[in-house]
Amino acid sequence: MYEYNGEDRRAHQWHLEKSISVGHIITTVALAGSVFAWAMQMDTRVSVIEAQIAHAAEARAKIEAQYRDGMSEIKSSLLRIEAKLDGKQDKFK
């Protein structure tokens, strides 16, 4: 069986270097910039969605008010029709 000598063992072991290459720095800065740009874009999207939600709530409130007004008009019309019908029934009795 083959036995490792000292040089082979060192070549196959993990090691860390204390130096930092320019490529690592550039990659890290580019990655950080990309994350920052993505976060700013998400902030903008959230702001737009919040504005749309506020606008939709206002529109819904306006529609509900129009609905209530329409229902009130229908009820008053029905009351007038019923009063007229009651008056006609009294004439035929």
PDB file of N, CA and C in Angstrom:
ATOM      1  N   MET A   1       0.835  -1.181   0.000  1.00  0.00           N
ATOM      2  CA  MET A   1       0.000   0.000   0.000  1.00  0.00           C
ATOM      3  C   MET A   1       0.882   1.248   0.000  1.00  0.00           C
ATOM      4  N   TYR A   2       0.361   2.296  -0.645  1.00  0.00           N
ATOM      5  CA  TYR A   2       1.135   3.523  -0.774  1.00  0.00           C
ATOM      6  C   TYR A   2       0.981   4.362   0.483  1.00  0.00           C
ATOM      7  N   GLU A   3       2.057   4.889   1.002  1.00  0.00           N
ATOM      8  CA  GLU A   3       2.014   5.765   2.168  1.00  0.00           C
ATOM      9  C   GLU A   3       2.363   7.174   1.725  1.00  0.00           C
ATOM     10  N   TYR A   4       1.635   8.138   2.329  1.00  0.00           N
ATOM     11  CA  TYR A   4       1.891   9.538   2.004  1.00  0.00           C
ATOM     12  C   TYR A   4       3.150   9.997   2.710  1.00  0.00           C
ATOM     13  N   ASN A   5       3.944  10.740   2.008  1.00  0.00           N
ATOM     14  CA  ASN A   5       5.053  11.399   2.695  1.00  0.00           C
ATOM     15  C   ASN A   5       4.606  12.793   3.102  1.00  0.00           C
ATOM     16  N   GLY A   6       5.389  13.567   3.737  1.00  0.00           N
ATOM     17  CA  GLY A   6       5.027  14.869   4.267  1.00  0.00           C
ATOM     18  C   GLY A   6       4.554  15.850   3.211  1.00  0.00           C
ATOM     19  N   GLU A   7       5.193  15.892   2.058  1.00  0.00           N
ATOM     20  CA  GLU A   7       4.809  16.836   1.008  1.00  0.00           C
ATOM     21  C   GLU A   7       3.439  16.497   0.431  1.00  0.00           C
ATOM     22  N   ASP A   8       3.158  15.258   0.193  1.00  0.00           N
ATOM     23  CA  ASP A   8       1.861  14.865  -0.350  1.00  0.00           C
ATOM     24  C   ASP A   8       0.738  15.200   0.624  1.00  0.00           C
ATOM     25  N   ARG A   9       0.979  14.983   1.894  1.00  0.00           N
ATOM     26  CA  ARG A   9      -0.043  15.258   2.905  1.00  0.00           C
ATOM     27  C   ARG A   9      -0.364  16.755   2.937  1.00  0.00           C
ATOM     28  N   ARG A  10       0.646  17.602   2.880  1.00  0.00           N
ATOM     29  CA  ARG A  10       0.421  19.050   2.897  1.00  0.00           C
ATOM     30  C   ARG A  10      -0.301  19.506   1.620  1.00  0.00           C
ATOM     31  N   ALA A  11      -0.064  18.885   0.530  1.00  0.00           N
ATOM     32  CA  ALA A  11      -0.694  19.274  -0.735  1.00  0.00           C
ATOM     33  C   ALA A  11      -2.182  18.945  -0.729  1.00  0.00           C
ATOM     34  N   HIS A  12      -2.625  17.953   0.020  1.00  0.00           N
ATOM     35  CA  HIS A  12      -4.016  17.525   0.039  1.00  0.00           C
ATOM     36  C   HIS A  12      -4.799  18.076   1.232  1.00  0.00           C
ATOM     37  N   GLN A  13      -4.180  18.832   2.085  1.00  0.00           N
ATOM     38  CA  GLN A  13      -4.874  19.378   3.251  1.00  0.00           C
ATOM     39  C   GLN A  13      -5.435  20.758   2.929  1.00  0.00           C
ATOM     40  N   TRP A  14      -6.470  21.146   3.674  1.00  0.00           N
ATOM     41  CA  TRP A  14      -7.053  22.475   3.538  1.00  0.00           C
ATOM     42  C   TRP A  14      -6.082  23.490   4.123  1.00  0.00           C
ATOM     43  N   HIS A  15      -6.094  24.677   3.531  1.00  0.00           N
ATOM     44  CA  HIS A  15      -5.270  25.755   4.064  1.00  0.00           C
ATOM     45  C   HIS A  15      -5.924  27.097   3.736  1.00  0.00           C
ATOM     46  N   LEU A  16      -5.631  28.070   4.527  1.00  0.00           N
ATOM     47  CA  LEU A  16      -6.124  29.424   4.312  1.00  0.00           C
ATOM     48  C   LEU A  16      -4.950  30.357   4.106  1.00  0.00           C
ATOM     49  N   GLU A  17      -5.118  31.240   3.146  1.00  0.00           N
ATOM     50  CA  GLU A  17      -4.084  32.235   2.919  1.00  0.00           C
ATOM     51  C   GLU A  17      -4.522  33.545   3.533  1.00  0.00           C
ATOM     52  N   LYS A  18      -3.574  34.337   3.969  1.00  0.00           N
ATOM     53  CA  LYS A  18      -3.893  35.618   4.591  1.00  0.00           C
ATOM     54  C   LYS A  18      -4.016  36.733   3.565  1.00  0.00           C
ATOM     55  N   SER A  19      -3.782  36.467   2.321  1.00  0.00           N
ATOM     56  CA  SER A  19      -3.846  37.514   1.295  1.00  0.00           C
ATOM     57  C   SER A  19      -5.253  37.542   0.680  1.00  0.00           C
ATOM     58  N   ILE A  20      -5.621  38.697   0.166  1.00  0.00           N
ATOM     59  CA  ILE A  20      -6.907  38.883  -0.497  1.00  0.00           C
ATOM     60  C   ILE A  20      -6.605  39.381  -1.903  1.00  0.00           C
ATOM     61  N   SER A  21      -7.206  38.733  -2.877  1.00  0.00           N
ATOM     62  CA  SER A  21      -6.932  39.135  -4.257  1.00  0.00           C
ATOM     63  C   SER A  21      -7.881  40.261  -4.669  1.00  0.00           C
ATOM     64  N   VAL A  22      -7.471  40.992  -5.673  1.00  0.00           N
ATOM     65  CA  VAL A  22      -8.271  42.097  -6.200  1.00  0.00           C
ATOM     66  C   VAL A  22      -9.582  41.554  -6.778  1.00  0.00           C
ATOM     67  N   GLY A  23      -9.547  40.382  -7.359  1.00  0.00           N
ATOM     68  CA  GLY A  23     -10.756  39.767  -7.910  1.00  0.00           C
ATOM     69  C   GLY A  23     -11.811  39.522  -6.838  1.00  0.00           C
ATOM     70  N   HIS A  24     -11.366  39.076  -5.664  1.00  0.00           N
ATOM     71  CA  HIS A  24     -12.308  38.869  -4.563  1.00  0.00           C
ATOM     72  C   HIS A  24     -12.934  40.186  -4.109  1.00  0.00           C
ATOM     73  N   ILE A  25     -12.136  41.220  -4.039  1.00  0.00           N
ATOM     74  CA  ILE A  25     -12.640  42.537  -3.624  1.00  0.00           C
ATOM     75  C   ILE A  25     -13.653  43.051  -4.643  1.00  0.00           C
ATOM     76  N   ILE A  26     -13.327  42.953  -5.922  1.00  0.00           N
ATOM     77  CA  ILE A  26     -14.234  43.431  -6.966  1.00  0.00           C
ATOM     78  C   ILE A  26     -15.536  42.626  -6.947  1.00  0.00           C
ATOM     79  N   THR A  27     -15.428  41.322  -6.800  1.00  0.00           N
ATOM     80  CA  THR A  27     -16.624  40.482  -6.749  1.00  0.00           C
ATOM     81  C   THR A  27     -17.498  40.827  -5.558  1.00  0.00           C
ATOM     82  N   THR A  28     -16.886  41.025  -4.411  1.00  0.00           N
ATOM     83  CA  THR A  28     -17.639  41.361  -3.203  1.00  0.00           C
ATOM     84  C   THR A  28     -18.330  42.717  -3.341  1.00  0.00           C
ATOM     85  N   VAL A  29     -17.637  43.700  -3.873  1.00  0.00           N
ATOM     86  CA  VAL A  29     -18.234  45.028  -4.066  1.00  0.00           C
ATOM     87  C   VAL A  29     -19.378  44.955  -5.079  1.00  0.00           C
ATOM     88  N   ALA A  30     -19.198  44.204  -6.159  1.00  0.00           N
ATOM     89  CA  ALA A  30     -20.254  44.072  -7.159  1.00  0.00           C
ATOM     90  C   ALA A  30     -21.473  43.373  -6.563  1.00  0.00           C
ATOM     91  N   LEU A  31     -21.245  42.349  -5.779  1.00  0.00           N
ATOM     92  CA  LEU A  31     -22.348  41.636  -5.144  1.00  0.00           C
ATOM     93  C   LEU A  31     -23.083  42.534  -4.151  1.00  0.00           C
ATOM     94  N   ALA A  32     -22.336  43.278  -3.354  1.00  0.00           N
ATOM     95  CA  ALA A  32     -22.961  44.189  -2.395  1.00  0.00           C
ATOM     96  C   ALA A  32     -23.754  45.281  -3.124  1.00  0.00           C
ATOM     97  N   GLY A  33     -23.213  45.793  -4.212  1.00  0.00           N
ATOM     98  CA  GLY A  33     -23.930  46.794  -4.998  1.00  0.00           C
ATOM     99  C   GLY A  33     -25.208  46.238  -5.600  1.00  0.00           C
ATOM    100  N   SER A  34     -25.142  45.003  -6.079  1.00  0.00           N
ATOM    101  CA  SER A  34     -26.329  44.372  -6.647  1.00  0.00           C
ATOM    102  C   SER A  34     -27.404  44.167  -5.589  1.00  0.00           C
ATOM    103  N   VAL A  35     -27.010  43.731  -4.412  1.00  0.00           N
ATOM    104  CA  VAL A  35     -27.972  43.540  -3.325  1.00  0.00           C
ATOM    105  C   VAL A  35     -28.592  44.874  -2.924  1.00  0.00           C
ATOM    106  N   PHE A  36     -27.788  45.916  -2.859  1.00  0.00           N
ATOM    107  CA  PHE A  36     -28.296  47.244  -2.508  1.00  0.00           C
ATOM    108  C   PHE A  36     -29.290  47.737  -3.566  1.00  0.00           C
ATOM    109  N   ALA A  37     -28.952  47.559  -4.843  1.00  0.00           N
ATOM    110  CA  ALA A  37     -29.856  47.988  -5.927  1.00  0.00           C
ATOM    111  C   ALA A  37     -31.159  47.206  -5.875  1.00  0.00           C
ATOM    112  N   TRP A  38     -31.076  45.908  -5.625  1.00  0.00           N
ATOM    113  CA  TRP A  38     -32.284  45.073  -5.518  1.00  0.00           C
ATOM    114  C   TRP A  38     -33.156  45.542  -4.353  1.00  0.00           C
ATOM    115  N   ALA A  39     -32.532  45.834  -3.211  1.00  0.00           N
ATOM    116  CA  ALA A  39     -33.297  46.289  -2.047  1.00  0.00           C
ATOM    117  C   ALA A  39     -33.981  47.627  -2.323  1.00  0.00           C
ATOM    118  N   MET A  40     -33.304  48.524  -3.008  1.00  0.00           N
ATOM    119  CA  MET A  40     -33.915  49.815  -3.341  1.00  0.00           C
ATOM    120  C   MET A  40     -35.087  49.625  -4.301  1.00  0.00           C
ATOM    121  N   GLN A  41     -34.942  48.698  -5.244  1.00  0.00           N
ATOM    122  CA  GLN A  41     -36.033  48.420  -6.179  1.00  0.00           C
ATOM    123  C   GLN A  41     -37.229  47.830  -5.433  1.00  0.00           C
ATOM    124  N   MET A  42     -36.988  46.954  -4.488  1.00  0.00           N
ATOM    125  CA  MET A  42     -38.079  46.373  -3.700  1.00  0.00           C
ATOM    126  C   MET A  42     -38.767  47.455  -2.871  1.00  0.00           C
ATOM    127  N   ASP A  43     -37.996  48.394  -2.337  1.00  0.00           N
ATOM    128  CA  ASP A  43     -38.576  49.492  -1.568  1.00  0.00           C
ATOM    129  C   ASP A  43     -39.496  50.329  -2.449  1.00  0.00           C
ATOM    130  N   THR A  44     -39.063  50.587  -3.677  1.00  0.00           N
ATOM    131  CA  THR A  44     -39.884  51.351  -4.610  1.00  0.00           C
ATOM    132  C   THR A  44     -41.165  50.590  -4.944  1.00  0.00           C
ATOM    133  N   ARG A  45     -41.031  49.290  -5.178  1.00  0.00           N
ATOM    134  CA  ARG A  45     -42.216  48.484  -5.501  1.00  0.00           C
ATOM    135  C   ARG A  45     -43.204  48.473  -4.339  1.00  0.00           C
ATOM    136  N   VAL A  46     -42.709  48.337  -3.133  1.00  0.00           N
ATOM    137  CA  VAL A  46     -43.589  48.324  -1.963  1.00  0.00           C
ATOM    138  C   VAL A  46     -44.298  49.671  -1.829  1.00  0.00           C
ATOM    139  N   SER A  47     -43.590  50.753  -2.067  1.00  0.00           N
ATOM    140  CA  SER A  47     -44.209  52.082  -1.989  1.00  0.00           C
ATOM    141  C   SER A  47     -45.324  52.231  -3.024  1.00  0.00           C
ATOM    142  N   VAL A  48     -45.082  51.742  -4.232  1.00  0.00           N
ATOM    143  CA  VAL A  48     -46.102  51.820  -5.284  1.00  0.00           C
ATOM    144  C   VAL A  48     -47.321  50.994  -4.897  1.00  0.00           C
ATOM    145  N   ILE A  49     -47.096  49.808  -4.368  1.00  0.00           N
ATOM    146  CA  ILE A  49     -48.215  48.945  -3.967  1.00  0.00           C
ATOM    147  C   ILE A  49     -48.992  49.573  -2.815  1.00  0.00           C
ATOM    148  N   GLU A  50     -48.301  50.184  -1.869  1.00  0.00           N
ATOM    149  CA  GLU A  50     -48.993  50.864  -0.768  1.00  0.00           C
ATOM    150  C   GLU A  50     -49.884  51.981  -1.299  1.00  0.00           C
ATOM    151  N   ALA A  51     -49.385  52.744  -2.271  1.00  0.00           N
ATOM    152  CA  ALA A  51     -50.187  53.825  -2.862  1.00  0.00           C
ATOM    153  C   ALA A  51     -51.403  53.251  -3.591  1.00  0.00           C
ATOM    154  N   GLN A  52     -51.213  52.137  -4.294  1.00  0.00           N
ATOM    155  CA  GLN A  52     -52.332  51.515  -4.996  1.00  0.00           C
ATOM    156  C   GLN A  52     -53.383  51.004  -4.016  1.00  0.00           C
ATOM    157  N   ILE A  53     -52.948  50.456  -2.905  1.00  0.00           N
ATOM    158  CA  ILE A  53     -53.885  49.964  -1.897  1.00  0.00           C
ATOM    159  C   ILE A  53     -54.676  51.128  -1.300  1.00  0.00           C
ATOM    160  N   ALA A  54     -53.991  52.224  -1.015  1.00  0.00           N
ATOM    161  CA  ALA A  54     -54.688  53.397  -0.471  1.00  0.00           C
ATOM    162  C   ALA A  54     -55.711  53.925  -1.477  1.00  0.00           C
ATOM    163  N   HIS A  55     -55.325  53.974  -2.753  1.00  0.00           N
ATOM    164  CA  HIS A  55     -56.242  54.447  -3.795  1.00  0.00           C
ATOM    165  C   HIS A  55     -57.441  53.507  -3.916  1.00  0.00           C
ATOM    166  N   ALA A  56     -57.190  52.202  -3.851  1.00  0.00           N
ATOM    167  CA  ALA A  56     -58.284  51.228  -3.952  1.00  0.00           C
ATOM    168  C   ALA A  56     -59.237  51.356  -2.764  1.00  0.00           C
ATOM    169  N   ALA A  57     -58.709  51.632  -1.576  1.00  0.00           N
ATOM    170  CA  ALA A  57     -59.569  51.796  -0.397  1.00  0.00           C
ATOM    171  C   ALA A  57     -60.456  53.033  -0.555  1.00  0.00           C
ATOM    172  N   GLU A  58     -59.867  54.121  -1.079  1.00  0.00           N
ATOM    173  CA  GLU A  58     -60.662  55.332  -1.312  1.00  0.00           C
ATOM    174  C   GLU A  58     -61.750  55.069  -2.359  1.00  0.00           C
ATOM    175  N   ALA A  59     -61.393  54.374  -3.430  1.00  0.00           N
ATOM    176  CA  ALA A  59     -62.370  54.068  -4.484  1.00  0.00           C
ATOM    177  C   ALA A  59     -63.483  53.184  -3.939  1.00  0.00           C
ATOM    178  N   ARG A  60     -63.122  52.207  -3.106  1.00  0.00           N
ATOM    179  CA  ARG A  60     -64.134  51.323  -2.523  1.00  0.00           C
ATOM    180  C   ARG A  60     -65.077  52.110  -1.617  1.00  0.00           C
ATOM    181  N   ALA A  61     -64.532  53.029  -0.825  1.00  0.00           N
ATOM    182  CA  ALA A  61     -65.375  53.847   0.053  1.00  0.00           C
ATOM    183  C   ALA A  61     -66.330  54.711  -0.770  1.00  0.00           C
ATOM    184  N   LYS A  62     -65.830  55.255  -1.883  1.00  0.00           N
ATOM    185  CA  LYS A  62     -66.673  56.083  -2.754  1.00  0.00           C
ATOM    186  C   LYS A  62     -67.794  55.239  -3.368  1.00  0.00           C
ATOM    187  N   ILE A  63     -67.460  54.048  -3.822  1.00  0.00           N
ATOM    188  CA  ILE A  63     -68.474  53.163  -4.411  1.00  0.00           C
ATOM    189  C   ILE A  63     -69.505  52.756  -3.369  1.00  0.00           C
ATOM    190  N   GLU A  64     -69.057  52.466  -2.155  1.00  0.00           N
ATOM    191  CA  GLU A  64     -69.996  52.107  -1.088  1.00  0.00           C
ATOM    192  C   GLU A  64     -70.940  53.263  -0.776  1.00  0.00           C
ATOM    193  N   ALA A  65     -70.436  54.490  -0.775  1.00  0.00           N
ATOM    194  CA  ALA A  65     -71.288  55.657  -0.527  1.00  0.00           C
ATOM    195  C   ALA A  65     -72.314  55.814  -1.649  1.00  0.00           C
ATOM    196  N   GLN A  66     -71.871  55.624  -2.895  1.00  0.00           N
ATOM    197  CA  GLN A  66     -72.805  55.706  -4.013  1.00  0.00           C
ATOM    198  C   GLN A  66     -73.866  54.609  -3.921  1.00  0.00           C
ATOM    199  N   TYR A  67     -73.455  53.433  -3.492  1.00  0.00           N
ATOM    200  CA  TYR A  67     -74.392  52.323  -3.327  1.00  0.00           C
ATOM    201  C   TYR A  67     -75.438  52.656  -2.267  1.00  0.00           C
ATOM    202  N   ARG A  68     -74.986  53.187  -1.131  1.00  0.00           N
ATOM    203  CA  ARG A  68     -75.925  53.558  -0.067  1.00  0.00           C
ATOM    204  C   ARG A  68     -76.885  54.644  -0.542  1.00  0.00           C
ATOM    205  N   ASP A  69     -76.377  55.641  -1.262  1.00  0.00           N
ATOM    206  CA  ASP A  69     -77.242  56.698  -1.796  1.00  0.00           C
ATOM    207  C   ASP A  69     -78.272  56.129  -2.771  1.00  0.00           C
ATOM    208  N   GLY A  70     -77.820  55.223  -3.636  1.00  0.00           N
ATOM    209  CA  GLY A  70     -78.737  54.595  -4.591  1.00  0.00           C
ATOM    210  C   GLY A  70     -79.807  53.784  -3.889  1.00  0.00           C
ATOM    211  N   MET A  71     -79.418  53.050  -2.853  1.00  0.00           N
ATOM    212  CA  MET A  71     -80.392  52.262  -2.098  1.00  0.00           C
ATOM    213  C   MET A  71     -81.397  53.175  -1.398  1.00  0.00           C
ATOM    214  N   SER A  72     -80.938  54.295  -0.883  1.00  0.00           N
ATOM    215  CA  SER A  72     -81.849  55.249  -0.239  1.00  0.00           C
ATOM    216  C   SER A  72     -82.856  55.791  -1.248  1.00  0.00           C
ATOM    217  N   GLU A  73     -82.378  56.113  -2.445  1.00  0.00           N
ATOM    218  CA  GLU A  73     -83.279  56.616  -3.493  1.00  0.00           C
ATOM    219  C   GLU A  73     -84.297  55.551  -3.883  1.00  0.00           C
ATOM    220  N   ILE A  74     -83.859  54.309  -3.987  1.00  0.00           N
ATOM    221  CA  ILE A  74     -84.781  53.225  -4.338  1.00  0.00           C
ATOM    222  C   ILE A  74     -85.834  53.044  -3.248  1.00  0.00           C
ATOM    223  N   LYS A  75     -85.397  53.101  -1.991  1.00  0.00           N
ATOM    224  CA  LYS A  75     -86.355  52.946  -0.888  1.00  0.00           C
ATOM    225  C   LYS A  75     -87.376  54.075  -0.882  1.00  0.00           C
ATOM    226  N   SER A  76     -86.915  55.312  -1.105  1.00  0.00           N
ATOM    227  CA  SER A  76     -87.861  56.429  -1.112  1.00  0.00           C
ATOM    228  C   SER A  76     -88.824  56.310  -2.303  1.00  0.00           C
ATOM    229  N   SER A  77     -88.332  55.862  -3.444  1.00  0.00           N
ATOM    230  CA  SER A  77     -89.213  55.663  -4.598  1.00  0.00           C
ATOM    231  C   SER A  77     -90.250  54.589  -4.306  1.00  0.00           C
ATOM    232  N   LEU A  78     -89.822  53.505  -3.683  1.00  0.00           N
ATOM    233  CA  LEU A  78     -90.763  52.442  -3.327  1.00  0.00           C
ATOM    234  C   LEU A  78     -91.820  52.933  -2.342  1.00  0.00           C
ATOM    235  N   LEU A  79     -91.407  53.759  -1.388  1.00  0.00           N
ATOM    236  CA  LEU A  79     -92.370  54.302  -0.432  1.00  0.00           C
ATOM    237  C   LEU A  79     -93.403  55.181  -1.141  1.00  0.00           C
ATOM    238  N   ARG A  80     -92.964  55.998  -2.098  1.00  0.00           N
ATOM    239  CA  ARG A  80     -93.888  56.834  -2.864  1.00  0.00           C
ATOM    240  C   ARG A  80     -94.838  55.973  -3.696  1.00  0.00           C
ATOM    241  N   ILE A  81     -94.307  54.929  -4.316  1.00  0.00           N
ATOM    242  CA  ILE A  81     -95.166  54.043  -5.117  1.00  0.00           C
ATOM    243  C   ILE A  81     -96.190  53.356  -4.230  1.00  0.00           C
ATOM    244  N   GLU A  82     -95.739  52.875  -3.066  1.00  0.00           N
ATOM    245  CA  GLU A  82     -96.668  52.212  -2.143  1.00  0.00           C
ATOM    246  C   GLU A  82     -97.751  53.177  -1.672  1.00  0.00           C
ATOM    247  N   ALA A  83     -97.359  54.428  -1.411  1.00  0.00           N
ATOM    248  CA  ALA A  83     -98.345  55.420  -0.971  1.00  0.00           C
ATOM    249  C   ALA A  83     -99.369  55.675  -2.083  1.00  0.00           C
ATOM    250  N   LYS A  84     -98.912  55.768  -3.316  1.00  0.00           N
ATOM    251  CA  LYS A  84     -99.829  55.973  -4.429  1.00  0.00           C
ATOM    252  C   LYS A  84    -100.754  54.771  -4.604  1.00  0.00           C
ATOM    253  N   LEU A  85    -100.200  53.567  -4.466  1.00  0.00           N
ATOM    254  CA  LEU A  85    -101.026  52.367  -4.590  1.00  0.00           C
ATOM    255  C   LEU A  85    -102.056  52.293  -3.467  1.00  0.00           C
ATOM    256  N   ASP A  86    -101.645  52.668  -2.248  1.00  0.00           N
ATOM    257  CA  ASP A  86    -102.596  52.686  -1.135  1.00  0.00           C
ATOM    258  C   ASP A  86    -103.703  53.694  -1.396  1.00  0.00           C
ATOM    259  N   GLY A  87    -103.364  54.835  -1.973  1.00  0.00           N
ATOM    260  CA  GLY A  87    -104.375  55.861  -2.298  1.00  0.00           C
ATOM    261  C   GLY A  87    -105.328  55.341  -3.363  1.00  0.00           C
ATOM    262  N   LYS A  88    -104.852  54.616  -4.341  1.00  0.00           N
ATOM    263  CA  LYS A  88    -105.719  54.062  -5.383  1.00  0.00           C
ATOM    264  C   LYS A  88    -106.618  52.987  -4.809  1.00  0.00           C
ATOM    265  N   GLN A  89    -106.084  52.155  -3.887  1.00  0.00           N
ATOM    266  CA  GLN A  89    -106.919  51.113  -3.279  1.00  0.00           C
ATOM    267  C   GLN A  89    -108.057  51.732  -2.471  1.00  0.00           C
ATOM    268  N   ASP A  90    -107.789  52.851  -1.783  1.00  0.00           N
ATOM    269  CA  ASP A  90    -108.821  53.504  -0.989  1.00  0.00           C
ATOM    270  C   ASP A  90    -109.939  54.029  -1.891  1.00  0.00           C
ATOM    271  N   LYS A  91    -109.622  54.454  -3.083  1.00  0.00           N
ATOM    272  CA  LYS A  91    -110.641  54.995  -3.997  1.00  0.00           C
ATOM    273  C   LYS A  91    -111.547  53.872  -4.508  1.00  0.00           C
ATOM    274  N   PHE A  92    -111.011  52.666  -4.655  1.00  0.00           N
ATOM    275  CA  PHE A  92    -111.818  51.561  -5.183  1.00  0.00           C
ATOM    276  C   PHE A  92    -112.636  50.883  -4.116  1.00  0.00           C
ATOM    277  N   LYS A  93    -112.453  51.138  -2.864  1.00  0.00           N
ATOM    278  CA  LYS A  93    -113.212  50.487  -1.801  1.00  0.00           C
ATOM    279  C   LYS A  93    -114.491  51.155  -1.545  1.00  0.00           C
TER     280      LYS A  93
END
